[in-house]
N, C-alpha and C. Protein backbone atom coordinates (compact mmCIF):
# COMPACT_ATOMS: atom_id res chain seq x y z
N MET A 1 -79.26 10.04 139.39
CA MET A 1 -78.19 8.93 140.00
C MET A 1 -78.83 8.11 140.66
N GLU A 2 -79.84 8.42 141.47
CA GLU A 2 -80.45 7.85 142.34
C GLU A 2 -81.05 6.30 142.07
N LYS A 3 -81.36 6.13 140.61
CA LYS A 3 -81.93 4.99 140.14
C LYS A 3 -80.52 4.10 139.76
N ALA A 4 -79.34 4.69 139.89
CA ALA A 4 -78.26 3.88 139.60
C ALA A 4 -77.74 3.48 140.98
N GLY A 5 -78.40 3.59 142.11
CA GLY A 5 -77.94 3.29 143.54
C GLY A 5 -77.20 4.23 144.12
N LEU A 6 -76.95 5.51 143.62
CA LEU A 6 -76.14 6.22 144.23
C LEU A 6 -77.11 7.71 144.82
N ARG A 7 -76.33 8.26 145.85
CA ARG A 7 -77.18 9.55 146.52
C ARG A 7 -76.44 10.56 146.62
N PHE A 8 -76.73 11.79 146.87
CA PHE A 8 -76.39 12.92 146.65
C PHE A 8 -75.34 13.03 148.02
N VAL A 9 -74.29 13.51 148.10
CA VAL A 9 -73.58 13.81 149.17
C VAL A 9 -73.47 15.31 149.56
N ARG A 10 -72.71 15.77 148.45
CA ARG A 10 -72.20 17.04 148.76
C ARG A 10 -71.68 17.87 147.49
N SER A 11 -72.12 19.12 147.40
CA SER A 11 -71.41 20.08 146.32
C SER A 11 -70.64 21.02 146.73
N TYR A 12 -69.30 21.01 145.97
CA TYR A 12 -68.26 22.56 146.45
C TYR A 12 -67.74 22.36 145.53
N THR A 13 -66.79 23.62 145.94
CA THR A 13 -65.94 24.22 144.47
C THR A 13 -64.57 23.80 145.34
N GLY A 14 -63.45 23.84 144.31
CA GLY A 14 -62.33 23.90 144.58
C GLY A 14 -61.11 24.57 144.20
N ASP A 15 -60.40 24.64 144.54
CA ASP A 15 -59.14 25.72 144.08
C ASP A 15 -57.89 24.62 143.46
N TRP A 16 -58.41 24.05 141.84
CA TRP A 16 -57.19 23.16 141.35
C TRP A 16 -56.15 24.45 140.64
N PRO A 17 -55.44 23.34 140.40
CA PRO A 17 -54.15 24.28 139.58
C PRO A 17 -54.37 24.66 138.17
N GLU A 18 -55.33 23.61 137.37
CA GLU A 18 -55.53 23.72 136.44
C GLU A 18 -57.04 23.64 136.26
N ALA A 19 -57.72 24.50 135.75
CA ALA A 19 -59.38 24.43 136.41
C ALA A 19 -59.74 23.90 134.48
N ILE A 20 -60.85 23.15 134.81
CA ILE A 20 -61.27 22.75 133.37
C ILE A 20 -62.58 23.24 133.01
N PRO A 21 -63.00 23.68 131.96
CA PRO A 21 -64.49 24.48 131.51
C PRO A 21 -65.66 24.21 132.26
N GLY A 22 -66.12 24.34 133.19
CA GLY A 22 -67.52 24.39 133.58
C GLY A 22 -67.06 24.13 135.36
N SER A 23 -66.06 24.15 135.66
CA SER A 23 -65.54 23.86 137.15
C SER A 23 -65.91 25.10 137.96
N GLU A 24 -66.17 26.28 137.42
CA GLU A 24 -66.71 27.17 138.31
C GLU A 24 -67.75 27.13 138.50
N HIS A 25 -68.63 26.27 138.33
CA HIS A 25 -70.00 25.65 138.96
C HIS A 25 -69.96 24.87 139.95
N GLY A 26 -68.61 24.23 140.39
CA GLY A 26 -68.76 23.37 141.21
C GLY A 26 -68.75 22.07 141.19
N GLU A 27 -68.37 21.36 141.98
CA GLU A 27 -68.14 19.84 141.76
C GLU A 27 -69.04 19.39 142.77
N VAL A 28 -69.57 17.77 142.38
CA VAL A 28 -70.45 17.46 143.32
C VAL A 28 -69.80 16.05 143.44
N GLU A 29 -70.43 15.38 144.50
CA GLU A 29 -69.97 14.00 145.07
C GLU A 29 -71.21 13.03 145.57
N TYR A 30 -71.28 11.90 144.70
CA TYR A 30 -72.29 10.79 145.12
C TYR A 30 -71.52 9.65 145.94
N ALA A 31 -72.46 8.81 146.56
CA ALA A 31 -72.16 7.79 147.24
C ALA A 31 -73.18 6.46 147.11
N LEU A 32 -72.25 5.29 146.69
CA LEU A 32 -73.63 4.20 146.79
C LEU A 32 -74.02 4.11 148.07
N THR A 33 -75.70 3.51 147.70
CA THR A 33 -76.46 3.47 148.50
C THR A 33 -76.73 1.99 148.63
N ALA A 34 -76.74 1.18 147.70
CA ALA A 34 -76.87 -0.12 147.45
C ALA A 34 -75.45 -0.97 147.70
N PRO A 35 -75.60 -2.07 148.50
CA PRO A 35 -74.59 -3.05 148.62
C PRO A 35 -73.80 -3.75 147.61
N GLY A 36 -74.72 -3.70 146.51
CA GLY A 36 -74.20 -4.07 145.04
C GLY A 36 -74.63 -3.80 143.79
N PRO A 37 -74.61 -4.34 142.87
CA PRO A 37 -75.05 -3.62 141.22
C PRO A 37 -76.97 -3.73 141.59
N ALA A 38 -77.53 -3.13 141.18
CA ALA A 38 -78.96 -3.16 141.38
C ALA A 38 -79.60 -4.66 140.07
N PRO A 39 -80.26 -4.86 140.63
CA PRO A 39 -80.57 -6.22 139.31
C PRO A 39 -81.03 -5.77 138.20
N HIS A 40 -81.29 -6.26 136.84
CA HIS A 40 -81.63 -5.72 135.91
C HIS A 40 -82.94 -6.41 135.41
N PRO A 41 -84.03 -5.35 135.37
CA PRO A 41 -85.32 -6.10 134.96
C PRO A 41 -85.28 -7.03 134.16
N ALA A 42 -86.22 -7.93 134.16
CA ALA A 42 -86.35 -8.81 133.20
C ALA A 42 -86.54 -8.24 131.97
N PRO A 43 -86.34 -8.53 130.84
CA PRO A 43 -87.03 -8.40 129.30
C PRO A 43 -88.44 -9.13 129.24
N ALA A 44 -89.20 -7.97 128.74
CA ALA A 44 -90.51 -8.14 128.40
C ALA A 44 -91.12 -8.00 126.81
N GLY A 45 -91.85 -8.58 126.65
CA GLY A 45 -92.43 -7.99 125.30
C GLY A 45 -92.64 -9.42 124.33
N PRO A 46 -93.41 -9.33 123.42
CA PRO A 46 -93.59 -10.59 122.28
C PRO A 46 -92.16 -10.91 121.76
N ASP A 47 -91.82 -9.82 121.16
CA ASP A 47 -90.77 -10.19 120.20
C ASP A 47 -89.41 -10.58 120.87
N LEU A 48 -89.58 -10.85 122.06
CA LEU A 48 -88.34 -11.18 122.97
C LEU A 48 -88.54 -12.66 123.46
N ALA A 49 -89.64 -13.40 123.06
CA ALA A 49 -90.32 -14.27 123.34
C ALA A 49 -89.22 -15.73 122.68
N PRO A 50 -88.81 -16.70 123.45
CA PRO A 50 -88.00 -17.72 122.47
C PRO A 50 -89.37 -18.46 121.22
N GLN A 51 -88.53 -18.38 119.99
CA GLN A 51 -88.84 -18.77 118.90
C GLN A 51 -88.43 -20.46 118.37
N GLY A 52 -89.90 -21.01 118.15
CA GLY A 52 -89.48 -22.04 118.27
C GLY A 52 -90.59 -23.21 118.18
């Protein structure tokens, strides 16, 4: 998740009216660490070079 610009905030268990499978393991909360989307790396490799 860190590579996506998120950081772990906390884990917790909730008392939900309708539990879903796996909810007994708890919930997690993440927050954005970067002000915007991370830039995508430039494509590389000989097969991606312009043909012509």
